[in-house]
């Protein structure tokens, strides 16, 4: 799936972060698409700032890495 930068601005990054966070909390496997989404969340629109979404994405990626190892 190819999205332009403008296309990313149409997606709610806060909503995507919540969805991915719930998957990680429930111990579900993230698909390649989920991981790609996590990477681009900071470029998406949202009520939170880009900085906040960037930090939350990094924290979620780290949590997923830890959960995946155990």
N, C-alpha and C. Protein backbone atom coordinates (compact mmCIF):
# COMPACT_ATOMS: atom_id res chain seq x y z
N UNK A 1 0.85 -1.17 0.00
CA UNK A 1 0.00 0.00 0.00
C UNK A 1 0.90 1.24 0.00
N UNK A 2 0.67 2.10 -0.95
CA UNK A 2 1.49 3.30 -1.09
C UNK A 2 0.67 4.52 -0.67
N UNK A 3 1.17 5.25 0.30
CA UNK A 3 0.49 6.46 0.75
C UNK A 3 1.41 7.65 0.55
N UNK A 4 0.84 8.73 0.10
CA UNK A 4 1.62 9.95 0.02
C UNK A 4 1.61 10.61 1.38
N UNK A 5 2.46 11.59 1.56
CA UNK A 5 2.49 12.33 2.81
C UNK A 5 1.12 12.94 3.08
N UNK A 6 0.48 13.47 2.04
CA UNK A 6 -0.85 14.05 2.22
C UNK A 6 -1.86 12.99 2.64
N UNK A 7 -1.71 11.79 2.13
CA UNK A 7 -2.59 10.69 2.52
C UNK A 7 -2.44 10.36 4.00
N UNK A 8 -1.23 10.44 4.51
CA UNK A 8 -0.99 10.18 5.92
C UNK A 8 -1.70 11.20 6.81
N UNK A 9 -1.82 12.41 6.34
CA UNK A 9 -2.47 13.47 7.11
C UNK A 9 -3.97 13.21 7.27
N UNK A 10 -4.52 12.30 6.49
CA UNK A 10 -5.95 11.98 6.58
C UNK A 10 -6.23 10.90 7.63
N UNK A 11 -5.20 10.23 8.09
CA UNK A 11 -5.35 9.13 9.04
C UNK A 11 -5.14 9.67 10.46
N UNK A 12 -6.00 9.24 11.38
CA UNK A 12 -5.90 9.67 12.78
C UNK A 12 -4.81 8.87 13.48
N UNK A 13 -3.68 9.51 13.72
CA UNK A 13 -2.55 8.85 14.37
C UNK A 13 -2.82 8.45 15.80
N UNK A 14 -3.62 9.26 16.51
CA UNK A 14 -3.95 8.93 17.90
C UNK A 14 -4.77 7.64 17.95
N UNK A 15 -5.69 7.50 17.01
CA UNK A 15 -6.52 6.30 16.94
C UNK A 15 -5.66 5.07 16.62
N UNK A 16 -4.74 5.23 15.69
CA UNK A 16 -3.85 4.12 15.33
C UNK A 16 -2.97 3.71 16.50
N UNK A 17 -2.46 4.71 17.25
CA UNK A 17 -1.63 4.41 18.42
C UNK A 17 -2.42 3.62 19.45
N UNK A 18 -3.66 4.01 19.67
CA UNK A 18 -4.51 3.31 20.65
C UNK A 18 -4.75 1.87 20.20
N UNK A 19 -5.04 1.68 18.92
CA UNK A 19 -5.27 0.35 18.37
C UNK A 19 -4.03 -0.53 18.55
N UNK A 20 -2.87 -0.01 18.20
CA UNK A 20 -1.63 -0.78 18.31
C UNK A 20 -1.26 -1.04 19.76
N UNK A 21 -1.52 -0.07 20.61
CA UNK A 21 -1.26 -0.22 22.04
C UNK A 21 -2.09 -1.37 22.61
N UNK A 22 -3.37 -1.44 22.23
CA UNK A 22 -4.23 -2.51 22.71
C UNK A 22 -3.76 -3.88 22.22
N UNK A 23 -3.30 -3.94 20.98
CA UNK A 23 -2.78 -5.20 20.45
C UNK A 23 -1.57 -5.66 21.26
N UNK A 24 -0.68 -4.72 21.58
CA UNK A 24 0.53 -5.07 22.34
C UNK A 24 0.17 -5.48 23.76
N UNK A 25 -0.73 -4.74 24.40
CA UNK A 25 -1.15 -5.05 25.77
C UNK A 25 -1.78 -6.44 25.83
N UNK A 26 -2.55 -6.81 24.81
CA UNK A 26 -3.22 -8.12 24.76
C UNK A 26 -2.29 -9.23 24.32
N UNK A 27 -1.04 -8.88 23.99
CA UNK A 27 -0.06 -9.88 23.59
C UNK A 27 -0.23 -10.38 22.17
N UNK A 28 -0.96 -9.62 21.35
CA UNK A 28 -1.16 -10.02 19.97
C UNK A 28 0.08 -9.70 19.13
N UNK A 29 0.26 -10.48 18.10
CA UNK A 29 1.37 -10.29 17.17
C UNK A 29 1.08 -9.08 16.28
N UNK A 30 2.06 -8.23 16.08
CA UNK A 30 1.91 -7.11 15.15
C UNK A 30 2.30 -7.59 13.76
N UNK A 31 1.47 -7.27 12.80
CA UNK A 31 1.77 -7.61 11.41
C UNK A 31 2.81 -6.63 10.87
N UNK A 32 3.35 -6.94 9.70
CA UNK A 32 4.28 -6.00 9.06
C UNK A 32 3.59 -4.65 8.82
N UNK A 33 2.31 -4.69 8.46
CA UNK A 33 1.56 -3.45 8.23
C UNK A 33 1.43 -2.65 9.54
N UNK A 34 1.19 -3.35 10.66
CA UNK A 34 1.11 -2.68 11.96
C UNK A 34 2.42 -1.97 12.29
N UNK A 35 3.52 -2.65 12.05
CA UNK A 35 4.84 -2.08 12.34
C UNK A 35 5.10 -0.87 11.45
N UNK A 36 4.71 -0.98 10.20
CA UNK A 36 4.85 0.15 9.28
C UNK A 36 3.98 1.32 9.73
N UNK A 37 2.76 1.02 10.16
CA UNK A 37 1.87 2.06 10.67
C UNK A 37 2.50 2.76 11.87
N UNK A 38 3.06 1.97 12.78
CA UNK A 38 3.71 2.53 13.96
C UNK A 38 4.83 3.49 13.57
N UNK A 39 5.52 3.17 12.51
CA UNK A 39 6.61 4.01 12.02
C UNK A 39 6.10 5.37 11.52
N UNK A 40 4.93 5.35 10.87
CA UNK A 40 4.42 6.58 10.25
C UNK A 40 3.43 7.36 11.11
N UNK A 41 3.09 6.85 12.29
CA UNK A 41 2.13 7.55 13.16
C UNK A 41 2.49 9.01 13.40
N UNK A 42 3.76 9.36 13.62
CA UNK A 42 4.08 10.77 13.86
C UNK A 42 3.71 11.70 12.69
N UNK A 43 3.61 11.16 11.49
CA UNK A 43 3.28 11.99 10.32
C UNK A 43 1.78 12.11 10.10
N UNK A 44 1.01 11.36 10.87
CA UNK A 44 -0.44 11.38 10.72
C UNK A 44 -1.03 12.53 11.54
N UNK A 45 -2.30 12.82 11.30
CA UNK A 45 -2.95 13.89 12.07
C UNK A 45 -3.33 13.35 13.44
N UNK A 46 -3.62 14.24 14.36
CA UNK A 46 -4.06 13.83 15.69
C UNK A 46 -4.25 15.01 16.59
N UNK A 47 -4.87 14.74 17.72
CA UNK A 47 -5.08 15.80 18.72
C UNK A 47 -3.80 16.06 19.50
N UNK A 48 -2.95 15.04 19.59
CA UNK A 48 -1.67 15.22 20.28
C UNK A 48 -0.65 15.78 19.30
N UNK A 49 0.45 16.26 19.82
CA UNK A 49 1.48 16.84 18.96
C UNK A 49 2.28 15.75 18.26
N UNK A 50 2.96 16.12 17.20
CA UNK A 50 3.81 15.16 16.49
C UNK A 50 4.87 14.60 17.43
N UNK A 51 5.39 15.47 18.29
CA UNK A 51 6.41 15.03 19.26
C UNK A 51 5.86 13.96 20.19
N UNK A 52 4.65 14.19 20.70
CA UNK A 52 4.03 13.21 21.59
C UNK A 52 3.80 11.88 20.88
N UNK A 53 3.31 11.96 19.64
CA UNK A 53 3.07 10.73 18.89
C UNK A 53 4.38 10.01 18.58
N UNK A 54 5.43 10.77 18.33
CA UNK A 54 6.75 10.16 18.08
C UNK A 54 7.24 9.41 19.32
N UNK A 55 7.14 10.05 20.46
CA UNK A 55 7.59 9.44 21.71
C UNK A 55 6.76 8.20 22.03
N UNK A 56 5.44 8.32 21.88
CA UNK A 56 4.57 7.17 22.16
C UNK A 56 4.86 6.02 21.20
N UNK A 57 5.16 6.32 19.96
CA UNK A 57 5.50 5.28 18.98
C UNK A 57 6.77 4.54 19.39
N UNK A 58 7.75 5.29 19.84
CA UNK A 58 9.02 4.68 20.27
C UNK A 58 8.79 3.81 21.50
N UNK A 59 8.02 4.30 22.45
CA UNK A 59 7.72 3.53 23.66
C UNK A 59 6.97 2.25 23.31
N UNK A 60 5.98 2.35 22.43
CA UNK A 60 5.23 1.16 22.01
C UNK A 60 6.13 0.16 21.30
N UNK A 61 7.01 0.64 20.45
CA UNK A 61 7.93 -0.26 19.74
C UNK A 61 8.82 -0.99 20.74
N UNK A 62 9.28 -0.29 21.75
CA UNK A 62 10.11 -0.91 22.78
C UNK A 62 9.30 -1.94 23.57
N UNK A 63 8.07 -1.61 23.94
CA UNK A 63 7.23 -2.56 24.66
C UNK A 63 7.00 -3.81 23.82
N UNK A 64 6.77 -3.62 22.53
CA UNK A 64 6.54 -4.76 21.65
C UNK A 64 7.79 -5.64 21.57
N UNK A 65 8.93 -5.01 21.49
CA UNK A 65 10.19 -5.76 21.44
C UNK A 65 10.37 -6.61 22.69
N UNK A 66 10.04 -6.02 23.85
CA UNK A 66 10.18 -6.75 25.12
C UNK A 66 9.17 -7.89 25.19
N UNK A 67 7.92 -7.62 24.82
CA UNK A 67 6.88 -8.66 24.86
C UNK A 67 7.21 -9.78 23.89
N UNK A 68 7.72 -9.41 22.72
CA UNK A 68 8.05 -10.42 21.70
C UNK A 68 9.18 -11.33 22.15
N UNK A 69 10.12 -10.79 22.94
CA UNK A 69 11.25 -11.58 23.44
C UNK A 69 10.81 -12.61 24.47
N UNK A 70 9.80 -12.25 25.27
CA UNK A 70 9.41 -13.15 26.38
C UNK A 70 8.44 -14.21 25.99
